[in-house]
């Protein structure tokens, strides 16, 4: 995680981060793959779920 600065969300200043996310496929699969993705994500105390 890399802190890149602050942004305003819903009238509140929150820290913004750059995160490089990766993972492996489950062990029971025939092969394993590395999955990579980079995201800009605000650093919040909690992330509300949208149930729709």
N, C-alpha and C. Protein backbone atom coordinates (compact mmCIF):
# COMPACT_ATOMS: atom_id res chain seq x y z
N UNK A 1 0.84 -1.16 0.00
CA UNK A 1 0.00 0.00 0.00
C UNK A 1 0.90 1.24 0.00
N UNK A 2 0.55 2.20 -0.85
CA UNK A 2 1.31 3.44 -0.96
C UNK A 2 0.36 4.61 -0.79
N UNK A 3 0.65 5.46 0.19
CA UNK A 3 -0.16 6.65 0.42
C UNK A 3 0.16 7.66 -0.67
N UNK A 4 -0.88 8.17 -1.37
CA UNK A 4 -0.62 9.11 -2.47
C UNK A 4 -1.20 10.49 -2.22
N UNK A 5 -1.92 10.69 -1.13
CA UNK A 5 -2.47 12.01 -0.82
C UNK A 5 -3.88 11.91 -0.28
N UNK A 6 -4.55 13.05 -0.21
CA UNK A 6 -5.92 13.10 0.30
C UNK A 6 -6.88 13.42 -0.82
N UNK A 7 -8.14 13.03 -0.62
CA UNK A 7 -9.22 13.36 -1.55
C UNK A 7 -10.47 13.65 -0.73
N UNK A 8 -11.45 14.26 -1.35
CA UNK A 8 -12.70 14.56 -0.67
C UNK A 8 -13.79 13.62 -1.15
N UNK A 9 -14.44 12.94 -0.19
CA UNK A 9 -15.54 12.03 -0.50
C UNK A 9 -16.71 12.39 0.41
N UNK A 10 -17.85 12.68 -0.18
CA UNK A 10 -19.05 13.04 0.59
C UNK A 10 -18.77 14.17 1.58
N UNK A 11 -17.98 15.16 1.16
CA UNK A 11 -17.68 16.31 2.00
C UNK A 11 -16.66 16.07 3.09
N UNK A 12 -16.02 14.90 3.10
CA UNK A 12 -15.04 14.56 4.12
C UNK A 12 -13.70 14.26 3.46
N UNK A 13 -12.61 14.77 4.04
CA UNK A 13 -11.27 14.52 3.51
C UNK A 13 -10.80 13.15 4.00
N UNK A 14 -10.40 12.28 3.06
CA UNK A 14 -9.93 10.93 3.40
C UNK A 14 -8.61 10.66 2.68
N UNK A 15 -7.74 9.82 3.26
CA UNK A 15 -6.49 9.46 2.59
C UNK A 15 -6.75 8.53 1.40
N UNK A 16 -5.98 8.70 0.34
CA UNK A 16 -6.08 7.86 -0.85
C UNK A 16 -4.82 7.01 -0.95
N UNK A 17 -4.99 5.73 -1.31
CA UNK A 17 -3.85 4.81 -1.41
C UNK A 17 -3.82 4.14 -2.77
N UNK A 18 -2.63 3.70 -3.16
CA UNK A 18 -2.43 2.88 -4.35
C UNK A 18 -2.08 1.50 -3.83
N UNK A 19 -2.81 0.46 -4.27
CA UNK A 19 -2.57 -0.89 -3.77
C UNK A 19 -2.41 -1.86 -4.93
N UNK A 20 -1.40 -2.71 -4.83
CA UNK A 20 -1.16 -3.76 -5.80
C UNK A 20 -1.67 -5.05 -5.18
N UNK A 21 -2.75 -5.61 -5.72
CA UNK A 21 -3.43 -6.76 -5.14
C UNK A 21 -3.15 -8.00 -5.99
N UNK A 22 -2.85 -9.13 -5.35
CA UNK A 22 -2.62 -10.36 -6.09
C UNK A 22 -3.11 -11.54 -5.26
N UNK A 23 -3.24 -12.69 -5.90
CA UNK A 23 -3.66 -13.89 -5.19
C UNK A 23 -3.41 -15.13 -6.03
N UNK A 24 -3.57 -16.29 -5.42
CA UNK A 24 -3.38 -17.57 -6.10
C UNK A 24 -4.71 -18.29 -6.20
N UNK A 25 -4.85 -19.11 -7.23
CA UNK A 25 -6.05 -19.94 -7.36
C UNK A 25 -6.05 -21.00 -6.26
N UNK A 26 -7.20 -21.59 -5.95
CA UNK A 26 -7.28 -22.61 -4.91
C UNK A 26 -6.40 -23.82 -5.19
N UNK A 27 -6.01 -24.53 -4.14
CA UNK A 27 -5.14 -25.71 -4.26
C UNK A 27 -5.77 -26.83 -5.07
N UNK A 28 -7.09 -26.99 -5.01
CA UNK A 28 -7.74 -28.11 -5.70
C UNK A 28 -7.84 -27.91 -7.21
N UNK A 29 -7.47 -26.74 -7.71
CA UNK A 29 -7.49 -26.50 -9.16
C UNK A 29 -6.33 -27.25 -9.82
N UNK A 30 -6.44 -27.53 -11.11
CA UNK A 30 -5.39 -28.25 -11.84
C UNK A 30 -4.13 -27.42 -12.02
N UNK A 31 -4.27 -26.12 -11.96
CA UNK A 31 -3.10 -25.25 -12.11
C UNK A 31 -3.23 -24.06 -11.17
N UNK A 32 -2.13 -23.38 -10.98
CA UNK A 32 -2.12 -22.18 -10.15
C UNK A 32 -1.73 -20.99 -11.01
N UNK A 33 -2.37 -19.90 -10.77
CA UNK A 33 -2.06 -18.68 -11.51
C UNK A 33 -1.92 -17.52 -10.54
N UNK A 34 -1.05 -16.61 -10.88
CA UNK A 34 -0.93 -15.39 -10.11
C UNK A 34 -1.84 -14.35 -10.76
N UNK A 35 -2.69 -13.76 -9.95
CA UNK A 35 -3.64 -12.77 -10.44
C UNK A 35 -3.21 -11.42 -9.89
N UNK A 36 -2.99 -10.45 -10.73
CA UNK A 36 -2.55 -9.15 -10.26
C UNK A 36 -3.47 -8.03 -10.71
N UNK A 37 -3.60 -7.04 -9.86
CA UNK A 37 -4.43 -5.89 -10.19
C UNK A 37 -3.96 -4.72 -9.33
N UNK A 38 -3.98 -3.53 -9.88
CA UNK A 38 -3.63 -2.34 -9.13
C UNK A 38 -4.86 -1.45 -9.04
N UNK A 39 -5.08 -0.87 -7.85
CA UNK A 39 -6.25 -0.03 -7.64
C UNK A 39 -5.88 1.21 -6.83
N UNK A 40 -6.62 2.29 -7.06
CA UNK A 40 -6.59 3.46 -6.19
C UNK A 40 -7.78 3.31 -5.26
N UNK A 41 -7.53 3.29 -3.96
CA UNK A 41 -8.57 2.98 -3.00
C UNK A 41 -8.50 3.96 -1.83
N UNK A 42 -9.65 4.56 -1.45
CA UNK A 42 -9.63 5.42 -0.26
C UNK A 42 -9.46 4.56 0.99
N UNK A 43 -8.74 5.09 1.95
CA UNK A 43 -8.51 4.36 3.20
C UNK A 43 -9.57 4.80 4.20
N UNK A 44 -10.58 3.95 4.39
CA UNK A 44 -11.72 4.26 5.25
C UNK A 44 -11.72 3.37 6.49
N UNK A 45 -12.43 3.79 7.53
CA UNK A 45 -12.55 2.95 8.74
C UNK A 45 -13.37 1.72 8.45
N UNK A 46 -14.39 1.84 7.60
CA UNK A 46 -15.18 0.70 7.16
C UNK A 46 -15.68 0.98 5.75
N UNK A 47 -15.99 -0.06 5.02
CA UNK A 47 -16.48 0.05 3.64
C UNK A 47 -17.92 -0.45 3.62
N UNK A 48 -18.88 0.47 3.45
CA UNK A 48 -20.29 0.07 3.47
C UNK A 48 -20.64 -0.84 2.30
N UNK A 49 -21.53 -1.80 2.56
CA UNK A 49 -21.99 -2.70 1.51
C UNK A 49 -23.27 -2.14 0.91
N UNK A 50 -23.39 -2.27 -0.39
CA UNK A 50 -24.61 -1.86 -1.08
C UNK A 50 -25.38 -3.13 -1.39
N UNK A 51 -26.46 -3.35 -0.68
CA UNK A 51 -27.27 -4.56 -0.87
C UNK A 51 -28.39 -4.25 -1.84
N UNK A 52 -28.20 -4.64 -3.09
CA UNK A 52 -29.25 -4.38 -4.08
C UNK A 52 -29.54 -5.62 -4.89
